[in-house]
PDB file of N, CA and C in Angstrom:
ATOM      1  N   MET A   1     -14.815   7.353  27.850  1.00  0.00           N
ATOM      2  CA  MET A   1     -15.134   8.221  26.763  1.00  0.00           C
ATOM      3  C   MET A   1     -14.486   7.671  25.493  1.00  0.00           C
ATOM      4  N   THR A   2     -15.196   7.686  24.401  1.00  0.00           N
ATOM      5  CA  THR A   2     -14.678   7.160  23.149  1.00  0.00           C
ATOM      6  C   THR A   2     -14.012   8.257  22.344  1.00  0.00           C
ATOM      7  N   ASP A   3     -13.051   7.852  21.514  1.00  0.00           N
ATOM      8  CA  ASP A   3     -12.399   8.809  20.625  1.00  0.00           C
ATOM      9  C   ASP A   3     -13.365   9.174  19.511  1.00  0.00           C
ATOM     10  N   GLN A   4     -13.465  10.474  19.233  1.00  0.00           N
ATOM     11  CA  GLN A   4     -14.346  10.923  18.169  1.00  0.00           C
ATOM     12  C   GLN A   4     -13.614  11.942  17.315  1.00  0.00           C
ATOM     13  N   ASN A   5     -13.976  11.955  16.023  1.00  0.00           N
ATOM     14  CA  ASN A   5     -13.380  12.944  15.136  1.00  0.00           C
ATOM     15  C   ASN A   5     -14.195  14.224  15.164  1.00  0.00           C
ATOM     16  N   SER A   6     -13.850  15.191  14.306  1.00  0.00           N
ATOM     17  CA  SER A   6     -14.505  16.494  14.347  1.00  0.00           C
ATOM     18  C   SER A   6     -15.974  16.433  13.937  1.00  0.00           C
ATOM     19  N   ALA A   7     -16.387  15.401  13.208  1.00  0.00           N
ATOM     20  CA  ALA A   7     -17.778  15.286  12.782  1.00  0.00           C
ATOM     21  C   ALA A   7     -18.648  14.635  13.852  1.00  0.00           C
ATOM     22  N   GLY A   8     -18.049  14.215  14.960  1.00  0.00           N
ATOM     23  CA  GLY A   8     -18.818  13.605  16.031  1.00  0.00           C
ATOM     24  C   GLY A   8     -18.962  12.098  15.895  1.00  0.00           C
ATOM     25  N   ARG A   9     -18.354  11.528  14.849  1.00  0.00           N
ATOM     26  CA  ARG A   9     -18.405  10.076  14.668  1.00  0.00           C
ATOM     27  C   ARG A   9     -17.245   9.427  15.421  1.00  0.00           C
ATOM     28  N   PRO A  10     -17.393   8.157  15.804  1.00  0.00           N
ATOM     29  CA  PRO A  10     -16.267   7.474  16.449  1.00  0.00           C
ATOM     30  C   PRO A  10     -15.083   7.397  15.485  1.00  0.00           C
ATOM     31  N   ALA A  11     -13.883   7.595  16.020  1.00  0.00           N
ATOM     32  CA  ALA A  11     -12.683   7.552  15.187  1.00  0.00           C
ATOM     33  C   ALA A  11     -12.422   6.120  14.734  1.00  0.00           C
ATOM     34  N   ARG A  12     -12.002   6.007  13.468  1.00  0.00           N
ATOM     35  CA  ARG A  12     -11.678   4.700  12.918  1.00  0.00           C
ATOM     36  C   ARG A  12     -10.186   4.468  13.036  1.00  0.00           C
ATOM     37  N   LYS A  13      -9.805   3.235  13.361  1.00  0.00           N
ATOM     38  CA  LYS A  13      -8.396   2.872  13.378  1.00  0.00           C
ATOM     39  C   LYS A  13      -8.070   2.233  12.037  1.00  0.00           C
ATOM     40  N   THR A  14      -7.044   2.748  11.381  1.00  0.00           N
ATOM     41  CA  THR A  14      -6.649   2.213  10.081  1.00  0.00           C
ATOM     42  C   THR A  14      -5.292   1.533  10.197  1.00  0.00           C
ATOM     43  N   ALA A  15      -4.975   0.722   9.194  1.00  0.00           N
ATOM     44  CA  ALA A  15      -3.717  -0.015   9.197  1.00  0.00           C
ATOM     45  C   ALA A  15      -2.524   0.916   9.036  1.00  0.00           C
ATOM     46  N   GLY A  16      -2.705   2.050   8.383  1.00  0.00           N
ATOM     47  CA  GLY A  16      -1.641   3.048   8.235  1.00  0.00           C
ATOM     48  C   GLY A  16      -0.440   2.516   7.486  1.00  0.00           C
ATOM     49  N   ALA A  17       0.735   2.675   8.064  1.00  0.00           N
ATOM     50  CA  ALA A  17       1.974   2.258   7.403  1.00  0.00           C
ATOM     51  C   ALA A  17       2.074   0.746   7.280  1.00  0.00           C
ATOM     52  N   PHE A  18       1.296   0.004   8.050  1.00  0.00           N
ATOM     53  CA  PHE A  18       1.362  -1.446   8.005  1.00  0.00           C
ATOM     54  C   PHE A  18       0.509  -2.039   6.885  1.00  0.00           C
ATOM     55  N   ASP A  19      -0.186  -1.191   6.140  1.00  0.00           N
ATOM     56  CA  ASP A  19      -0.961  -1.651   4.997  1.00  0.00           C
ATOM     57  C   ASP A  19       0.017  -2.064   3.908  1.00  0.00           C
ATOM     58  N   VAL A  20      -0.139  -3.255   3.368  1.00  0.00           N
ATOM     59  CA  VAL A  20       0.810  -3.791   2.385  1.00  0.00           C
ATOM     60  C   VAL A  20       0.819  -2.956   1.110  1.00  0.00           C
ATOM     61  N   ARG A  21      -0.260  -2.249   0.823  1.00  0.00           N
ATOM     62  CA  ARG A  21      -0.293  -1.403  -0.374  1.00  0.00           C
ATOM     63  C   ARG A  21       0.691  -0.248  -0.261  1.00  0.00           C
ATOM     64  N   ASN A  22       0.906   0.254   0.946  1.00  0.00           N
ATOM     65  CA  ASN A  22       1.898   1.318   1.140  1.00  0.00           C
ATOM     66  C   ASN A  22       3.308   0.804   0.875  1.00  0.00           C
ATOM     67  N   VAL A  23       3.607  -0.383   1.348  1.00  0.00           N
ATOM     68  CA  VAL A  23       4.932  -0.963   1.154  1.00  0.00           C
ATOM     69  C   VAL A  23       5.178  -1.239  -0.326  1.00  0.00           C
ATOM     70  N   ILE A  24       4.223  -1.893  -0.981  1.00  0.00           N
ATOM     71  CA  ILE A  24       4.371  -2.216  -2.402  1.00  0.00           C
ATOM     72  C   ILE A  24       4.456  -0.938  -3.233  1.00  0.00           C
ATOM     73  N   GLY A  25       3.577   0.006  -2.982  1.00  0.00           N
ATOM     74  CA  GLY A  25       3.581   1.252  -3.732  1.00  0.00           C
ATOM     75  C   GLY A  25       4.863   2.037  -3.540  1.00  0.00           C
ATOM     76  N   GLY A  26       5.364   2.090  -2.327  1.00  0.00           N
ATOM     77  CA  GLY A  26       6.604   2.802  -2.059  1.00  0.00           C
ATOM     78  C   GLY A  26       7.799   2.178  -2.766  1.00  0.00           C
ATOM     79  N   LEU A  27       7.883   0.843  -2.711  1.00  0.00           N
ATOM     80  CA  LEU A  27       8.993   0.169  -3.374  1.00  0.00           C
ATOM     81  C   LEU A  27       8.928   0.323  -4.890  1.00  0.00           C
ATOM     82  N   LEU A  28       7.750   0.173  -5.463  1.00  0.00           N
ATOM     83  CA  LEU A  28       7.620   0.342  -6.906  1.00  0.00           C
ATOM     84  C   LEU A  28       7.977   1.762  -7.331  1.00  0.00           C
ATOM     85  N   ALA A  29       7.544   2.747  -6.557  1.00  0.00           N
ATOM     86  CA  ALA A  29       7.852   4.135  -6.892  1.00  0.00           C
ATOM     87  C   ALA A  29       9.351   4.405  -6.786  1.00  0.00           C
ATOM     88  N   ILE A  30      10.000   3.865  -5.771  1.00  0.00           N
ATOM     89  CA  ILE A  30      11.451   4.048  -5.626  1.00  0.00           C
ATOM     90  C   ILE A  30      12.191   3.406  -6.795  1.00  0.00           C
ATOM     91  N   TYR A  31      11.813   2.177  -7.165  1.00  0.00           N
ATOM     92  CA  TYR A  31      12.465   1.511  -8.297  1.00  0.00           C
ATOM     93  C   TYR A  31      12.212   2.273  -9.595  1.00  0.00           C
ATOM     94  N   GLY A  32      11.023   2.828  -9.740  1.00  0.00           N
ATOM     95  CA  GLY A  32      10.719   3.620 -10.925  1.00  0.00           C
ATOM     96  C   GLY A  32      11.583   4.861 -11.023  1.00  0.00           C
ATOM     97  N   VAL A  33      11.760   5.548  -9.899  1.00  0.00           N
ATOM     98  CA  VAL A  33      12.610   6.745  -9.885  1.00  0.00           C
ATOM     99  C   VAL A  33      14.052   6.367 -10.206  1.00  0.00           C
ATOM    100  N   ILE A  34      14.529   5.253  -9.666  1.00  0.00           N
ATOM    101  CA  ILE A  34      15.902   4.808  -9.961  1.00  0.00           C
ATOM    102  C   ILE A  34      16.072   4.536 -11.453  1.00  0.00           C
ATOM    103  N   LEU A  35      15.099   3.872 -12.066  1.00  0.00           N
ATOM    104  CA  LEU A  35      15.194   3.611 -13.507  1.00  0.00           C
ATOM    105  C   LEU A  35      15.139   4.900 -14.313  1.00  0.00           C
ATOM    106  N   LEU A  36      14.294   5.836 -13.919  1.00  0.00           N
ATOM    107  CA  LEU A  36      14.221   7.105 -14.631  1.00  0.00           C
ATOM    108  C   LEU A  36      15.528   7.886 -14.508  1.00  0.00           C
ATOM    109  N   LEU A  37      16.123   7.884 -13.328  1.00  0.00           N
ATOM    110  CA  LEU A  37      17.406   8.558 -13.150  1.00  0.00           C
ATOM    111  C   LEU A  37      18.503   7.872 -13.959  1.00  0.00           C
ATOM    112  N   THR A  38      18.461   6.547 -14.010  1.00  0.00           N
ATOM    113  CA  THR A  38      19.426   5.804 -14.821  1.00  0.00           C
ATOM    114  C   THR A  38      19.282   6.170 -16.292  1.00  0.00           C
ATOM    115  N   ALA A  39      18.069   6.253 -16.772  1.00  0.00           N
ATOM    116  CA  ALA A  39      17.834   6.611 -18.178  1.00  0.00           C
ATOM    117  C   ALA A  39      18.273   8.040 -18.462  1.00  0.00           C
ATOM    118  N   ALA A  40      18.105   8.931 -17.490  1.00  0.00           N
ATOM    119  CA  ALA A  40      18.425  10.331 -17.712  1.00  0.00           C
ATOM    120  C   ALA A  40      19.933  10.590 -17.697  1.00  0.00           C
ATOM    121  N   PHE A  41      20.653   9.897 -16.835  1.00  0.00           N
ATOM    122  CA  PHE A  41      22.068  10.224 -16.643  1.00  0.00           C
ATOM    123  C   PHE A  41      23.035   9.219 -17.242  1.00  0.00           C
ATOM    124  N   ARG A  42      22.546   8.117 -17.723  1.00  0.00           N
ATOM    125  CA  ARG A  42      23.432   7.131 -18.332  1.00  0.00           C
ATOM    126  C   ARG A  42      23.401   7.350 -19.829  1.00  0.00           C
ATOM    127  N   GLY A  43      24.547   7.644 -20.406  1.00  0.00           N
ATOM    128  CA  GLY A  43      24.609   7.996 -21.818  1.00  0.00           C
ATOM    129  C   GLY A  43      24.342   6.833 -22.752  1.00  0.00           C
ATOM    130  N   GLY A  44      25.141   5.808 -22.696  1.00  0.00           N
ATOM    131  CA  GLY A  44      25.016   4.706 -23.640  1.00  0.00           C
ATOM    132  C   GLY A  44      24.348   3.504 -23.013  1.00  0.00           C
ATOM    133  N   ALA A  45      23.498   2.848 -23.781  1.00  0.00           N
ATOM    134  CA  ALA A  45      22.841   1.639 -23.307  1.00  0.00           C
ATOM    135  C   ALA A  45      23.703   0.435 -23.708  1.00  0.00           C
ATOM    136  N   PRO A  46      23.688  -0.646 -22.944  1.00  0.00           N
ATOM    137  CA  PRO A  46      24.443  -1.838 -23.317  1.00  0.00           C
ATOM    138  C   PRO A  46      23.963  -2.383 -24.668  1.00  0.00           C
ATOM    139  N   GLN A  47      24.828  -3.169 -25.295  1.00  0.00           N
ATOM    140  CA  GLN A  47      24.504  -3.741 -26.595  1.00  0.00           C
ATOM    141  C   GLN A  47      23.243  -4.608 -26.493  1.00  0.00           C
ATOM    142  N   GLY A  48      22.323  -4.414 -27.407  1.00  0.00           N
ATOM    143  CA  GLY A  48      21.095  -5.215 -27.428  1.00  0.00           C
ATOM    144  C   GLY A  48      19.941  -4.602 -26.653  1.00  0.00           C
ATOM    145  N   THR A  49      20.160  -3.489 -25.980  1.00  0.00           N
ATOM    146  CA  THR A  49      19.069  -2.826 -25.254  1.00  0.00           C
ATOM    147  C   THR A  49      18.955  -1.390 -25.737  1.00  0.00           C
ATOM    148  N   HIS A  50      17.870  -0.794 -25.416  1.00  0.00           N
ATOM    149  CA  HIS A  50      17.641   0.602 -25.788  1.00  0.00           C
ATOM    150  C   HIS A  50      17.466   1.417 -24.520  1.00  0.00           C
ATOM    151  N   ASN A  51      17.883   2.664 -24.566  1.00  0.00           N
ATOM    152  CA  ASN A  51      17.723   3.542 -23.424  1.00  0.00           C
ATOM    153  C   ASN A  51      16.251   3.805 -23.128  1.00  0.00           C
ATOM    154  N   SER A  52      15.401   3.671 -24.145  1.00  0.00           N
ATOM    155  CA  SER A  52      13.974   3.903 -23.929  1.00  0.00           C
ATOM    156  C   SER A  52      13.353   2.825 -23.038  1.00  0.00           C
ATOM    157  N   ASP A  53      14.030   1.663 -22.919  1.00  0.00           N
ATOM    158  CA  ASP A  53      13.514   0.628 -22.013  1.00  0.00           C
ATOM    159  C   ASP A  53      13.474   1.139 -20.582  1.00  0.00           C
ATOM    160  N   ASN A  54      14.517   1.851 -20.171  1.00  0.00           N
ATOM    161  CA  ASN A  54      14.549   2.407 -18.818  1.00  0.00           C
ATOM    162  C   ASN A  54      13.492   3.488 -18.641  1.00  0.00           C
ATOM    163  N   TRP A  55      13.264   4.301 -19.669  1.00  0.00           N
ATOM    164  CA  TRP A  55      12.230   5.340 -19.592  1.00  0.00           C
ATOM    165  C   TRP A  55      10.854   4.711 -19.427  1.00  0.00           C
ATOM    166  N   TRP A  56      10.538   3.736 -20.269  1.00  0.00           N
ATOM    167  CA  TRP A  56       9.217   3.095 -20.198  1.00  0.00           C
ATOM    168  C   TRP A  56       9.036   2.301 -18.910  1.00  0.00           C
ATOM    169  N   GLY A  57      10.046   1.524 -18.556  1.00  0.00           N
ATOM    170  CA  GLY A  57       9.954   0.732 -17.324  1.00  0.00           C
ATOM    171  C   GLY A  57       9.866   1.595 -16.088  1.00  0.00           C
ATOM    172  N   GLY A  58      10.706   2.626 -16.018  1.00  0.00           N
ATOM    173  CA  GLY A  58      10.682   3.522 -14.866  1.00  0.00           C
ATOM    174  C   GLY A  58       9.381   4.290 -14.760  1.00  0.00           C
ATOM    175  N   GLY A  59       8.886   4.757 -15.900  1.00  0.00           N
ATOM    176  CA  GLY A  59       7.604   5.481 -15.888  1.00  0.00           C
ATOM    177  C   GLY A  59       6.451   4.597 -15.463  1.00  0.00           C
ATOM    178  N   ALA A  60       6.449   3.357 -15.961  1.00  0.00           N
ATOM    179  CA  ALA A  60       5.377   2.417 -15.598  1.00  0.00           C
ATOM    180  C   ALA A  60       5.435   2.066 -14.114  1.00  0.00           C
ATOM    181  N   LEU A  61       6.637   1.794 -13.593  1.00  0.00           N
ATOM    182  CA  LEU A  61       6.770   1.467 -12.170  1.00  0.00           C
ATOM    183  C   LEU A  61       6.361   2.645 -11.288  1.00  0.00           C
ATOM    184  N   LEU A  62       6.770   3.836 -11.678  1.00  0.00           N
ATOM    185  CA  LEU A  62       6.400   5.018 -10.906  1.00  0.00           C
ATOM    186  C   LEU A  62       4.888   5.227 -10.920  1.00  0.00           C
ATOM    187  N   LEU A  63       4.267   5.053 -12.069  1.00  0.00           N
ATOM    188  CA  LEU A  63       2.818   5.218 -12.179  1.00  0.00           C
ATOM    189  C   LEU A  63       2.072   4.196 -11.318  1.00  0.00           C
ATOM    190  N   VAL A  64       2.474   2.939 -11.402  1.00  0.00           N
ATOM    191  CA  VAL A  64       1.806   1.898 -10.607  1.00  0.00           C
ATOM    192  C   VAL A  64       2.041   2.134  -9.117  1.00  0.00           C
ATOM    193  N   GLY A  65       3.237   2.562  -8.740  1.00  0.00           N
ATOM    194  CA  GLY A  65       3.516   2.859  -7.336  1.00  0.00           C
ATOM    195  C   GLY A  65       2.648   3.983  -6.806  1.00  0.00           C
ATOM    196  N   VAL A  66       2.475   5.034  -7.595  1.00  0.00           N
ATOM    197  CA  VAL A  66       1.622   6.157  -7.185  1.00  0.00           C
ATOM    198  C   VAL A  66       0.164   5.702  -7.087  1.00  0.00           C
ATOM    199  N   ILE A  67      -0.268   4.835  -7.998  1.00  0.00           N
ATOM    200  CA  ILE A  67      -1.644   4.309  -7.936  1.00  0.00           C
ATOM    201  C   ILE A  67      -1.852   3.514  -6.651  1.00  0.00           C
ATOM    202  N   PHE A  68      -0.882   2.669  -6.280  1.00  0.00           N
ATOM    203  CA  PHE A  68      -0.992   1.897  -5.043  1.00  0.00           C
ATOM    204  C   PHE A  68      -1.052   2.826  -3.824  1.00  0.00           C
ATOM    205  N   LEU A  69      -0.194   3.836  -3.800  1.00  0.00           N
ATOM    206  CA  LEU A  69      -0.194   4.761  -2.656  1.00  0.00           C
ATOM    207  C   LEU A  69      -1.495   5.553  -2.575  1.00  0.00           C
ATOM    208  N   ALA A  70      -2.021   5.969  -3.728  1.00  0.00           N
ATOM    209  CA  ALA A  70      -3.293   6.698  -3.735  1.00  0.00           C
ATOM    210  C   ALA A  70      -4.437   5.795  -3.295  1.00  0.00           C
ATOM    211  N   TRP A  71      -4.412   4.541  -3.738  1.00  0.00           N
ATOM    212  CA  TRP A  71      -5.440   3.584  -3.354  1.00  0.00           C
ATOM    213  C   TRP A  71      -5.431   3.383  -1.843  1.00  0.00           C
ATOM    214  N   ALA A  72      -4.256   3.231  -1.258  1.00  0.00           N
ATOM    215  CA  ALA A  72      -4.162   3.042   0.193  1.00  0.00           C
ATOM    216  C   ALA A  72      -4.612   4.293   0.944  1.00  0.00           C
ATOM    217  N   ARG A  73      -4.369   5.452   0.361  1.00  0.00           N
ATOM    218  CA  ARG A  73      -4.752   6.714   1.014  1.00  0.00           C
ATOM    219  C   ARG A  73      -6.264   6.964   0.924  1.00  0.00           C
ATOM    220  N   LEU A  74      -6.846   6.650  -0.245  1.00  0.00           N
ATOM    221  CA  LEU A  74      -8.264   6.935  -0.464  1.00  0.00           C
ATOM    222  C   LEU A  74      -9.191   5.871   0.130  1.00  0.00           C
ATOM    223  N   ARG A  75      -8.746   4.630   0.182  1.00  0.00           N
ATOM    224  CA  ARG A  75      -9.561   3.530   0.713  1.00  0.00           C
ATOM    225  C   ARG A  75      -8.791   2.786   1.799  1.00  0.00           C
ATOM    226  N   PRO A  76      -8.583   3.388   2.977  1.00  0.00           N
ATOM    227  CA  PRO A  76      -7.783   2.740   4.018  1.00  0.00           C
ATOM    228  C   PRO A  76      -8.477   1.500   4.583  1.00  0.00           C
ATOM    229  N   VAL A  77      -7.666   0.559   5.036  1.00  0.00           N
ATOM    230  CA  VAL A  77      -8.177  -0.647   5.681  1.00  0.00           C
ATOM    231  C   VAL A  77      -8.524  -0.285   7.119  1.00  0.00           C
ATOM    232  N   VAL A  78      -9.768  -0.514   7.509  1.00  0.00           N
ATOM    233  CA  VAL A  78     -10.221  -0.199   8.860  1.00  0.00           C
ATOM    234  C   VAL A  78      -9.999  -1.423   9.733  1.00  0.00           C
ATOM    235  N   VAL A  79      -9.299  -1.229  10.843  1.00  0.00           N
ATOM    236  CA  VAL A  79      -9.006  -2.306  11.777  1.00  0.00           C
ATOM    237  C   VAL A  79     -10.069  -2.287  12.860  1.00  0.00           C
ATOM    238  N   LYS A  80     -10.732  -3.412  13.037  1.00  0.00           N
ATOM    239  CA  LYS A  80     -11.776  -3.501  14.063  1.00  0.00           C
ATOM    240  C   LYS A  80     -11.139  -3.697  15.433  1.00  0.00           C
ATOM    241  N   ASP A  81     -11.782  -3.116  16.452  1.00  0.00           N
ATOM    242  CA  ASP A  81     -11.309  -3.295  17.820  1.00  0.00           C
ATOM    243  C   ASP A  81     -11.595  -4.706  18.283  1.00  0.00           C
ATOM    244  N   LYS A  82     -10.720  -5.202  19.176  1.00  0.00           N
ATOM    245  CA  LYS A  82     -10.967  -6.507  19.780  1.00  0.00           C
ATOM    246  C   LYS A  82     -12.100  -6.365  20.787  1.00  0.00           C
ATOM    247  N   PRO A  83     -12.978  -7.368  20.857  1.00  0.00           N
ATOM    248  CA  PRO A  83     -14.014  -7.308  21.893  1.00  0.00           C
ATOM    249  C   PRO A  83     -13.377  -7.536  23.262  1.00  0.00           C
ATOM    250  N   ALA A  84     -14.078  -7.079  24.303  1.00  0.00           N
ATOM    251  CA  ALA A  84     -13.587  -7.289  25.665  1.00  0.00           C
ATOM    252  C   ALA A  84     -13.464  -8.783  25.922  1.00  0.00           C
ATOM    253  N   SER A  85     -12.523  -9.179  26.767  1.00  0.00           N
ATOM    254  CA  SER A  85     -12.228 -10.599  26.965  1.00  0.00           C
ATOM    255  C   SER A  85     -13.431 -11.364  27.525  1.00  0.00           C
ATOM    256  N   GLY A  86     -14.298 -10.719  28.288  1.00  0.00           N
ATOM    257  CA  GLY A  86     -15.448 -11.410  28.854  1.00  0.00           C
ATOM    258  C   GLY A  86     -16.612 -11.527  27.888  1.00  0.00           C
ATOM    259  N   SER A  87     -16.584 -10.782  26.796  1.00  0.00           N
ATOM    260  CA  SER A  87     -17.720 -10.795  25.888  1.00  0.00           C
ATOM    261  C   SER A  87     -17.431 -11.552  24.591  1.00  0.00           C
ATOM    262  N   GLU A  88     -16.487 -12.494  24.643  1.00  0.00           N
ATOM    263  CA  GLU A  88     -16.183 -13.266  23.435  1.00  0.00           C
ATOM    264  C   GLU A  88     -17.349 -14.175  23.097  1.00  0.00           C
ATOM    265  N   GLU A  89     -17.640 -14.245  21.820  1.00  0.00           N
ATOM    266  CA  GLU A  89     -18.692 -15.124  21.370  1.00  0.00           C
ATOM    267  C   GLU A  89     -18.103 -16.499  21.077  1.00  0.00           C
ATOM    268  N   PRO A  90     -18.899 -17.553  21.273  1.00  0.00           N
ATOM    269  CA  PRO A  90     -18.387 -18.875  20.949  1.00  0.00           C
ATOM    270  C   PRO A  90     -18.204 -18.995  19.444  1.00  0.00           C
ATOM    271  N   PRO A  91     -17.234 -19.802  18.999  1.00  0.00           N
ATOM    272  CA  PRO A  91     -17.031 -19.960  17.565  1.00  0.00           C
ATOM    273  C   PRO A  91     -18.253 -20.573  16.906  1.00  0.00           C
ATOM    274  N   GLN A  92     -18.500 -20.133  15.680  1.00  0.00           N
ATOM    275  CA  GLN A  92     -19.647 -20.649  14.947  1.00  0.00           C
ATOM    276  C   GLN A  92     -19.160 -21.275  13.644  1.00  0.00           C
ATOM    277  N   GLY A  93     -19.977 -22.100  13.070  1.00  0.00           N
ATOM    278  CA  GLY A  93     -19.639 -22.720  11.802  1.00  0.00           C
ATOM    279  C   GLY A  93     -19.413 -24.202  11.950  1.00  0.00           C
ATOM    280  N   PRO A  94     -18.967 -24.862  10.890  1.00  0.00           N
ATOM    281  CA  PRO A  94     -18.819 -26.307  10.905  1.00  0.00           C
ATOM    282  C   PRO A  94     -17.760 -26.796  11.905  1.00  0.00           C
ATOM    283  N   SER A  95     -16.716 -26.017  12.152  1.00  0.00           N
ATOM    284  CA  SER A  95     -15.660 -26.474  13.058  1.00  0.00           C
ATOM    285  C   SER A  95     -16.009 -26.212  14.531  1.00  0.00           C
ATOM    286  N   ALA A  96     -17.130 -25.573  14.811  1.00  0.00           N
ATOM    287  CA  ALA A  96     -17.489 -25.227  16.180  1.00  0.00           C
ATOM    288  C   ALA A  96     -17.893 -26.452  16.992  1.00  0.00           C
ATOM    289  N   SER A  97     -18.372 -27.490  16.340  1.00  0.00           N
ATOM    290  CA  SER A  97     -18.856 -28.657  17.074  1.00  0.00           C
ATOM    291  C   SER A  97     -17.762 -29.679  17.326  1.00  0.00           C
ATOM    292  N   VAL A  98     -16.548 -29.414  16.951  1.00  0.00           N
ATOM    293  CA  VAL A  98     -15.459 -30.376  17.106  1.00  0.00           C
ATOM    294  C   VAL A  98     -15.009 -30.454  18.524  1.00  0.00           C
TER     295      VAL A  98
END
């Protein structure tokens, strides 16, 4: 019996947490939050920099991280099942005749 979802279609296997967009988006969002917290709680900026740099950088990183996470959520990578070992097709293409 095959796995099926509530609509009666076969269930799709997705990459889930192993999708690189989740990793990149999560890291960017974490770095963005750290920069925003630094800008909020650090009073004086070092000489030659402005506190607004942390606000802009943190906001941009957080925004891009959320976009990556939303992209991975809305358009998941579908992982195809491996064919049964007896039903493998011979390789095709230019390297098949080697």
